[in-house]
Amino acid sequence: MLLPRRCVVERSFGWMARFRRLARDYERLPETLADLSYLVFAIMMAKNFIHLMAHVL
């Protein structure tokens, strides 16, 4: 049985795979990879926020 929110997580990681540096694991330290993941999600959230605000105004 699939979890109800699983598709959201899989979609998010699919979006994250668009960033070339995260498509392959070139990082030596796991902390660096985790930091890059946070950065990617922050960029994606900022884009979504700007798109949402453009439709509101």
C-alpha atoms as a PDB file:
ATOM      1  CA  MET A   1       0.000   0.000   0.000  1.00  0.00           C
ATOM      2  CA  LEU A   2       1.331   3.425  -0.943  1.00  0.00           C
ATOM      3  CA  LEU A   3       1.425   6.128   1.646  1.00  0.00           C
ATOM      4  CA  PRO A   4      -0.865   9.101   0.902  1.00  0.00           C
ATOM      5  CA  ARG A   5       1.921  11.705   0.753  1.00  0.00           C
ATOM      6  CA  ARG A   6       4.491   9.543  -1.009  1.00  0.00           C
ATOM      7  CA  CYS A   7       3.818  11.087  -4.419  1.00  0.00           C
ATOM      8  CA  VAL A   8       4.589  14.549  -3.018  1.00  0.00           C
ATOM      9  CA  VAL A   9       7.987  13.390  -1.795  1.00  0.00           C
ATOM     10  CA  GLU A  10       8.780  11.581  -5.043  1.00  0.00           C
ATOM     11  CA  ARG A  11       7.773  14.647  -7.075  1.00  0.00           C
ATOM     12  CA  SER A  12       9.955  16.883  -4.900  1.00  0.00           C
ATOM     13  CA  PHE A  13      12.983  14.658  -5.408  1.00  0.00           C
ATOM     14  CA  GLY A  14      12.209  14.562  -9.137  1.00  0.00           C
ATOM     15  CA  TRP A  15      12.321  18.368  -9.226  1.00  0.00           C
ATOM     16  CA  MET A  16      15.530  18.317  -7.225  1.00  0.00           C
ATOM     17  CA  ALA A  17      17.104  15.964  -9.780  1.00  0.00           C
ATOM     18  CA  ARG A  18      16.937  18.828 -12.313  1.00  0.00           C
ATOM     19  CA  PHE A  19      19.855  20.424 -10.503  1.00  0.00           C
ATOM     20  CA  ARG A  20      22.885  18.825 -12.171  1.00  0.00           C
ATOM     21  CA  ARG A  21      25.089  18.830  -9.117  1.00  0.00           C
ATOM     22  CA  LEU A  22      22.533  16.797  -7.180  1.00  0.00           C
ATOM     23  CA  ALA A  23      21.777  14.420 -10.061  1.00  0.00           C
ATOM     24  CA  ARG A  24      25.082  12.708  -9.331  1.00  0.00           C
ATOM     25  CA  ASP A  25      26.645  12.384  -5.929  1.00  0.00           C
ATOM     26  CA  TYR A  26      29.956  14.198  -6.384  1.00  0.00           C
ATOM     27  CA  GLU A  27      30.183  15.419  -2.815  1.00  0.00           C
ATOM     28  CA  ARG A  28      32.618  13.807  -0.400  1.00  0.00           C
ATOM     29  CA  LEU A  29      30.907  14.949   2.784  1.00  0.00           C
ATOM     30  CA  PRO A  30      27.265  14.067   3.508  1.00  0.00           C
ATOM     31  CA  GLU A  31      26.833  17.455   5.181  1.00  0.00           C
ATOM     32  CA  THR A  32      27.604  19.195   1.890  1.00  0.00           C
ATOM     33  CA  LEU A  33      24.984  17.142   0.071  1.00  0.00           C
ATOM     34  CA  ALA A  34      22.432  17.891   2.800  1.00  0.00           C
ATOM     35  CA  ASP A  35      23.201  21.625   2.608  1.00  0.00           C
ATOM     36  CA  LEU A  36      22.814  21.604  -1.171  1.00  0.00           C
ATOM     37  CA  SER A  37      19.458  19.840  -0.786  1.00  0.00           C
ATOM     38  CA  TYR A  38      18.230  22.585   1.563  1.00  0.00           C
ATOM     39  CA  LEU A  39      19.436  25.200  -0.901  1.00  0.00           C
ATOM     40  CA  VAL A  40      17.604  23.552  -3.807  1.00  0.00           C
ATOM     41  CA  PHE A  41      14.346  23.304  -1.870  1.00  0.00           C
ATOM     42  CA  ALA A  42      14.684  26.959  -0.814  1.00  0.00           C
ATOM     43  CA  ILE A  43      15.136  27.980  -4.460  1.00  0.00           C
ATOM     44  CA  MET A  44      12.120  25.913  -5.511  1.00  0.00           C
ATOM     45  CA  MET A  45       9.963  27.399  -2.734  1.00  0.00           C
ATOM     46  CA  ALA A  46      11.047  30.928  -3.678  1.00  0.00           C
ATOM     47  CA  LYS A  47      10.090  30.305  -7.325  1.00  0.00           C
ATOM     48  CA  ASN A  48       6.698  28.963  -6.259  1.00  0.00           C
ATOM     49  CA  PHE A  49       6.160  31.947  -3.956  1.00  0.00           C
ATOM     50  CA  ILE A  50       7.009  34.437  -6.720  1.00  0.00           C
ATOM     51  CA  HIS A  51       4.685  32.619  -9.130  1.00  0.00           C
ATOM     52  CA  LEU A  52       1.885  32.659  -6.533  1.00  0.00           C
ATOM     53  CA  MET A  53       2.354  36.348  -5.772  1.00  0.00           C
ATOM     54  CA  ALA A  54       2.273  37.194  -9.495  1.00  0.00           C
ATOM     55  CA  HIS A  55      -1.186  35.615  -9.746  1.00  0.00           C
ATOM     56  CA  VAL A  56      -2.458  37.334  -6.598  1.00  0.00           C
ATOM     57  CA  LEU A  57      -1.477  40.815  -7.766  1.00  0.00           C
END
